[in-house]
Amino acid sequence: MALALGTDSSDPANTCACEVMTQDPLFIELDADIDSAIRLMNRSHIRRLPVTDNGKLVGMLSSSDVSRAMQEQFDQFIGLEESYTSH
C-alpha cells in the first residue's frame, strides 16, 4: 500500500484500502502443486499469490516461500546423491 500511495498525493490516513488494492487478484488453490504456482507467478510477474481453500483465503505464497521450498528439495536431493556416492 505504501508504494501505491507514494505515487499519489493522497493522505494515507484518509485513504481506504479499497482505493489502492488489486482488484480481482490471481490466486491458487491450497492443493495446487508448486510448479503451477511458479508458472502463474512467473507468467503474471507477481511475487505473492493468495492461497484459497474452497474460495476462502487461507494464506499467502511468496516467491521467498517457493525459493525456500526449492532449496529444501535440492538439499534433500544432494543428501540422497551423497549417500549413493559414499558407498
Protein backbone atom coordinates (compact mmCIF):
# COMPACT_ATOMS: atom_id res chain seq x y z
CA MET A 1 0.00 0.00 0.00
CA ALA A 2 2.86 2.39 0.72
CA LEU A 3 4.16 2.02 -2.82
CA ALA A 4 0.81 2.81 -4.34
CA LEU A 5 0.34 5.79 -2.05
CA GLY A 6 3.85 7.04 -2.75
CA THR A 7 2.90 7.78 -6.35
CA ASP A 8 -0.20 9.72 -5.37
CA SER A 9 -0.69 12.81 -3.25
CA SER A 10 -3.36 11.05 -1.18
CA ASP A 11 -3.10 11.17 2.58
CA PRO A 12 -2.61 7.59 3.87
CA ALA A 13 -4.64 8.37 6.98
CA ASN A 14 -7.61 9.24 4.78
CA THR A 15 -7.19 6.62 2.06
CA CYS A 16 -9.31 3.47 2.06
CA ALA A 17 -7.58 0.19 1.22
CA CYS A 18 -10.20 -0.34 -1.49
CA GLU A 19 -8.75 2.68 -3.34
CA VAL A 20 -5.31 1.10 -3.77
CA MET A 21 -5.88 -2.67 -3.59
CA THR A 22 -5.51 -5.04 -6.50
CA GLN A 23 -8.94 -5.72 -7.96
CA ASP A 24 -9.69 -9.36 -8.82
CA PRO A 25 -6.34 -10.78 -7.67
CA LEU A 26 -4.99 -14.04 -9.02
CA PHE A 27 -4.99 -16.93 -6.56
CA ILE A 28 -4.17 -20.60 -6.35
CA GLU A 29 -5.98 -23.42 -4.58
CA LEU A 30 -4.48 -25.00 -1.48
CA ASP A 31 -3.98 -28.38 -3.16
CA ALA A 32 -2.21 -26.97 -6.25
CA ASP A 33 1.36 -28.07 -6.86
CA ILE A 34 4.30 -25.69 -6.51
CA ASP A 35 5.11 -25.94 -10.23
CA SER A 36 1.69 -24.46 -11.05
CA ALA A 37 2.23 -21.66 -8.56
CA ILE A 38 5.67 -20.90 -10.00
CA ARG A 39 4.31 -20.79 -13.55
CA LEU A 40 1.45 -18.49 -12.55
CA MET A 41 3.71 -16.16 -10.57
CA ASN A 42 6.26 -16.04 -13.38
CA ARG A 43 3.72 -15.53 -16.17
CA SER A 44 1.91 -12.81 -14.21
CA HIS A 45 5.06 -11.11 -12.86
CA ILE A 46 3.87 -11.33 -9.26
CA ARG A 47 5.81 -12.15 -6.10
CA ARG A 48 2.91 -13.04 -3.82
CA LEU A 49 -0.05 -15.30 -4.50
CA PRO A 50 -3.13 -15.71 -2.30
CA VAL A 51 -3.91 -19.34 -1.47
CA THR A 52 -7.55 -20.35 -1.15
CA ASP A 53 -9.44 -23.41 0.02
CA ASN A 54 -12.94 -23.61 -1.49
CA GLY A 55 -12.95 -19.85 -2.05
CA LYS A 56 -11.73 -18.94 1.44
CA LEU A 57 -8.36 -17.22 1.85
CA VAL A 58 -6.08 -19.49 3.89
CA GLY A 59 -2.66 -17.99 3.26
CA MET A 60 -0.19 -16.24 1.01
CA LEU A 61 2.54 -17.89 -1.04
CA SER A 62 5.55 -15.65 -1.66
CA SER A 63 8.47 -16.03 -4.00
CA SER A 64 10.60 -16.41 -0.85
CA ASP A 65 8.41 -19.33 0.28
CA VAL A 66 8.88 -21.00 -3.10
CA SER A 67 12.63 -20.36 -3.06
CA ARG A 68 12.94 -21.86 0.43
CA ALA A 69 10.93 -24.94 -0.57
CA MET A 70 13.02 -25.43 -3.70
CA GLN A 71 16.24 -25.11 -1.66
CA GLU A 72 14.99 -27.72 0.81
CA GLN A 73 14.15 -30.09 -2.04
CA PHE A 74 17.56 -29.51 -3.59
CA ASP A 75 19.30 -30.10 -0.25
CA GLN A 76 17.39 -33.37 0.15
CA PHE A 77 18.37 -34.39 -3.38
CA ILE A 78 22.03 -33.62 -2.72
CA GLY A 79 21.84 -35.58 0.51
CA LEU A 80 20.49 -38.56 -1.40
CA GLU A 81 23.17 -38.20 -4.05
CA GLU A 82 25.90 -38.04 -1.40
CA SER A 83 24.61 -41.22 0.22
CA TYR A 84 24.81 -43.00 -3.15
CA THR A 85 28.35 -41.80 -3.87
CA SER A 86 29.69 -42.64 -0.41
CA HIS A 87 29.09 -46.37 -0.83
